[in-house]
N, C-alpha and C. Protein backbone atom coordinates (compact mmCIF):
# COMPACT_ATOMS: atom_id res chain seq x y z
N MET A 1 0.84 -1.18 0.00
CA MET A 1 0.00 0.00 0.00
C MET A 1 0.89 1.25 0.00
N MET A 2 0.49 2.25 -0.78
CA MET A 2 1.28 3.48 -0.90
C MET A 2 1.14 4.35 0.35
N GLU A 3 2.24 4.95 0.70
CA GLU A 3 2.22 5.95 1.76
C GLU A 3 1.68 7.25 1.18
N ALA A 4 1.22 8.15 2.03
CA ALA A 4 0.64 9.42 1.57
C ALA A 4 1.62 10.20 0.70
N ALA A 5 2.87 10.29 1.09
CA ALA A 5 3.87 11.04 0.32
C ALA A 5 4.07 10.42 -1.06
N GLU A 6 4.07 9.08 -1.13
CA GLU A 6 4.22 8.40 -2.42
C GLU A 6 3.01 8.67 -3.32
N LEU A 7 1.83 8.66 -2.72
CA LEU A 7 0.61 8.93 -3.48
C LEU A 7 0.61 10.35 -4.03
N ILE A 8 0.99 11.31 -3.20
CA ILE A 8 1.07 12.71 -3.64
C ILE A 8 2.06 12.85 -4.78
N GLU A 9 3.18 12.20 -4.68
CA GLU A 9 4.20 12.27 -5.73
C GLU A 9 3.69 11.62 -7.02
N ALA A 10 2.98 10.51 -6.90
CA ALA A 10 2.42 9.85 -8.08
C ALA A 10 1.40 10.74 -8.77
N ILE A 11 0.59 11.43 -8.00
CA ILE A 11 -0.41 12.34 -8.58
C ILE A 11 0.29 13.49 -9.29
N ARG A 12 1.31 14.04 -8.67
CA ARG A 12 2.06 15.14 -9.29
C ARG A 12 2.73 14.72 -10.59
N ALA A 13 3.11 13.45 -10.69
CA ALA A 13 3.81 12.96 -11.88
C ALA A 13 2.85 12.67 -13.04
N MET A 14 1.56 12.63 -12.76
CA MET A 14 0.58 12.35 -13.81
C MET A 14 0.56 13.50 -14.80
N PRO A 15 0.40 13.17 -16.08
CA PRO A 15 0.34 14.24 -17.08
C PRO A 15 -0.93 15.07 -16.89
N HIS A 16 -0.81 16.37 -17.11
CA HIS A 16 -1.97 17.25 -17.01
C HIS A 16 -2.69 17.26 -18.35
N ILE A 17 -3.96 16.90 -18.32
CA ILE A 17 -4.77 16.91 -19.54
C ILE A 17 -5.72 18.10 -19.42
N PRO A 18 -5.68 19.02 -20.37
CA PRO A 18 -6.57 20.19 -20.30
C PRO A 18 -8.03 19.77 -20.25
N LEU A 19 -8.81 20.49 -19.46
CA LEU A 19 -10.23 20.21 -19.30
C LEU A 19 -10.95 20.20 -20.64
N SER A 20 -10.48 20.99 -21.57
CA SER A 20 -11.15 21.10 -22.87
C SER A 20 -11.07 19.81 -23.69
N ILE A 21 -10.11 18.94 -23.40
CA ILE A 21 -10.00 17.69 -24.16
C ILE A 21 -10.09 16.43 -23.30
N ASP A 22 -10.10 16.60 -21.99
CA ASP A 22 -10.16 15.43 -21.11
C ASP A 22 -11.51 14.74 -21.23
N MET A 23 -11.52 13.43 -21.08
CA MET A 23 -12.74 12.62 -21.11
C MET A 23 -12.86 11.92 -19.77
N TRP A 24 -14.06 11.98 -19.18
CA TRP A 24 -14.30 11.39 -17.86
C TRP A 24 -15.25 10.22 -17.93
N SER A 25 -14.99 9.23 -17.09
CA SER A 25 -15.90 8.10 -16.92
C SER A 25 -16.94 8.47 -15.87
N LYS A 26 -17.92 7.60 -15.68
CA LYS A 26 -18.92 7.86 -14.64
C LYS A 26 -18.27 7.87 -13.25
N HIS A 27 -17.14 7.19 -13.11
CA HIS A 27 -16.44 7.17 -11.82
C HIS A 27 -15.82 8.53 -11.51
N GLU A 28 -15.24 9.16 -12.50
CA GLU A 28 -14.65 10.48 -12.30
C GLU A 28 -15.74 11.53 -12.10
N ILE A 29 -16.84 11.41 -12.84
CA ILE A 29 -17.96 12.34 -12.64
C ILE A 29 -18.52 12.16 -11.24
N ALA A 30 -18.64 10.92 -10.81
CA ALA A 30 -19.14 10.63 -9.46
C ALA A 30 -18.26 11.28 -8.40
N ALA A 31 -16.95 11.23 -8.59
CA ALA A 31 -16.03 11.84 -7.62
C ALA A 31 -16.25 13.35 -7.55
N ILE A 32 -16.46 13.98 -8.70
CA ILE A 32 -16.70 15.43 -8.74
C ILE A 32 -18.01 15.78 -8.04
N LEU A 33 -19.05 14.98 -8.30
CA LEU A 33 -20.38 15.25 -7.73
C LEU A 33 -20.55 14.73 -6.31
N LYS A 34 -19.57 13.95 -5.85
CA LYS A 34 -19.64 13.31 -4.53
C LYS A 34 -20.87 12.40 -4.44
N LYS A 35 -21.05 11.64 -5.50
CA LYS A 35 -22.13 10.66 -5.62
C LYS A 35 -21.50 9.34 -6.04
N SER A 36 -22.30 8.29 -6.09
CA SER A 36 -21.78 7.00 -6.56
C SER A 36 -21.85 6.94 -8.09
N PRO A 37 -21.00 6.11 -8.70
CA PRO A 37 -21.10 5.92 -10.15
C PRO A 37 -22.49 5.44 -10.57
N ARG A 38 -23.11 4.63 -9.74
CA ARG A 38 -24.46 4.15 -10.03
C ARG A 38 -25.45 5.31 -10.09
N THR A 39 -25.33 6.25 -9.14
CA THR A 39 -26.20 7.43 -9.13
C THR A 39 -25.99 8.25 -10.39
N VAL A 40 -24.75 8.42 -10.80
CA VAL A 40 -24.46 9.17 -12.03
C VAL A 40 -25.16 8.51 -13.21
N ALA A 41 -25.03 7.19 -13.32
CA ALA A 41 -25.61 6.47 -14.45
C ALA A 41 -27.14 6.47 -14.41
N GLU A 42 -27.71 6.29 -13.23
CA GLU A 42 -29.16 6.11 -13.12
C GLU A 42 -29.95 7.40 -12.96
N ARG A 43 -29.35 8.42 -12.36
CA ARG A 43 -30.10 9.65 -12.08
C ARG A 43 -29.71 10.86 -12.91
N TYR A 44 -28.46 10.92 -13.33
CA TYR A 44 -27.99 12.10 -14.05
C TYR A 44 -27.82 11.87 -15.54
N ALA A 45 -27.13 10.80 -15.91
CA ALA A 45 -26.81 10.56 -17.32
C ALA A 45 -28.06 10.39 -18.19
N CYS A 46 -29.17 10.02 -17.58
CA CYS A 46 -30.40 9.81 -18.35
C CYS A 46 -31.20 11.11 -18.54
N LYS A 47 -30.80 12.19 -17.88
CA LYS A 47 -31.51 13.46 -18.02
C LYS A 47 -31.27 14.04 -19.42
N PRO A 48 -32.33 14.63 -20.01
CA PRO A 48 -32.17 15.16 -21.37
C PRO A 48 -31.14 16.28 -21.49
N ASP A 49 -30.89 17.02 -20.41
CA ASP A 49 -29.94 18.13 -20.49
C ASP A 49 -28.51 17.71 -20.12
N PHE A 50 -28.33 16.45 -19.72
CA PHE A 50 -26.99 15.96 -19.37
C PHE A 50 -26.22 15.75 -20.67
N PRO A 51 -24.93 16.09 -20.69
CA PRO A 51 -24.14 15.90 -21.93
C PRO A 51 -24.18 14.46 -22.43
N ARG A 52 -24.18 14.32 -23.74
CA ARG A 52 -24.20 13.00 -24.35
C ARG A 52 -22.81 12.36 -24.25
N PRO A 53 -22.78 11.06 -23.96
CA PRO A 53 -21.49 10.38 -23.84
C PRO A 53 -20.92 9.97 -25.19
N TYR A 54 -19.65 9.62 -25.17
CA TYR A 54 -18.96 9.02 -26.31
C TYR A 54 -18.79 7.54 -25.96
N LYS A 55 -19.15 6.68 -26.87
CA LYS A 55 -19.01 5.24 -26.64
C LYS A 55 -17.68 4.79 -27.22
N LEU A 56 -16.73 4.48 -26.36
CA LEU A 56 -15.39 4.10 -26.80
C LEU A 56 -15.31 2.61 -27.15
N SER A 57 -16.03 1.80 -26.42
CA SER A 57 -16.13 0.37 -26.70
C SER A 57 -17.39 -0.13 -26.00
N THR A 58 -17.67 -1.38 -26.11
CA THR A 58 -18.89 -1.93 -25.53
C THR A 58 -18.97 -1.58 -24.04
N GLY A 59 -19.96 -0.79 -23.70
CA GLY A 59 -20.18 -0.43 -22.31
C GLY A 59 -19.21 0.58 -21.74
N ASP A 60 -18.27 1.06 -22.53
CA ASP A 60 -17.26 2.01 -22.04
C ASP A 60 -17.63 3.42 -22.51
N LEU A 61 -18.29 4.17 -21.64
CA LEU A 61 -18.74 5.52 -21.98
C LEU A 61 -17.82 6.56 -21.35
N ARG A 62 -17.62 7.65 -22.07
CA ARG A 62 -16.84 8.79 -21.57
C ARG A 62 -17.57 10.07 -21.94
N TRP A 63 -17.43 11.07 -21.08
CA TRP A 63 -18.03 12.37 -21.32
C TRP A 63 -16.92 13.41 -21.37
N LYS A 64 -17.11 14.44 -22.20
CA LYS A 64 -16.13 15.53 -22.23
C LYS A 64 -16.19 16.26 -20.89
N ALA A 65 -15.06 16.40 -20.27
CA ALA A 65 -14.97 17.02 -18.96
C ALA A 65 -15.52 18.45 -18.99
N SER A 66 -15.20 19.19 -20.04
CA SER A 66 -15.66 20.58 -20.12
C SER A 66 -17.19 20.65 -20.18
N GLU A 67 -17.83 19.71 -20.88
CA GLU A 67 -19.29 19.69 -20.97
C GLU A 67 -19.92 19.34 -19.62
N ILE A 68 -19.28 18.44 -18.89
CA ILE A 68 -19.78 18.09 -17.56
C ILE A 68 -19.68 19.30 -16.63
N MET A 69 -18.56 20.00 -16.67
CA MET A 69 -18.41 21.17 -15.80
C MET A 69 -19.41 22.27 -16.16
N GLU A 70 -19.68 22.44 -17.45
CA GLU A 70 -20.70 23.42 -17.87
C GLU A 70 -22.07 23.00 -17.35
N TRP A 71 -22.38 21.73 -17.44
CA TRP A 71 -23.66 21.21 -16.94
C TRP A 71 -23.79 21.45 -15.44
N ILE A 72 -22.72 21.18 -14.70
CA ILE A 72 -22.75 21.40 -13.25
C ILE A 72 -23.03 22.87 -12.95
N GLU A 73 -22.37 23.77 -13.66
CA GLU A 73 -22.60 25.20 -13.42
C GLU A 73 -24.04 25.62 -13.68
N LYS A 74 -24.70 24.98 -14.65
CA LYS A 74 -26.10 25.30 -14.96
C LYS A 74 -27.06 24.80 -13.88
N GLN A 75 -26.58 23.95 -12.97
CA GLN A 75 -27.45 23.39 -11.94
C GLN A 75 -27.60 24.33 -10.73
N ARG A 76 -26.89 25.43 -10.76
CA ARG A 76 -26.98 26.39 -9.65
C ARG A 76 -28.38 26.95 -9.52
N VAL A 77 -28.79 27.17 -8.29
CA VAL A 77 -30.11 27.80 -8.05
C VAL A 77 -29.95 29.19 -7.52
């Protein structure tokens, strides 16, 4: 198991992908929304105003990160 310092260093070493081209799975969207991946799939992704996914392979869906962030901003009350 990684120590905290090793984990921080591993995160820092990851390449930075600009939000404008990054693609997120339901797991990454769930982390942003602080919900479960199941909730993302069953409650959010089916909404007509939720961004449409890209199907990369059978059952492997990804959403443009920038579109997800725009959608989140529109949810403000």
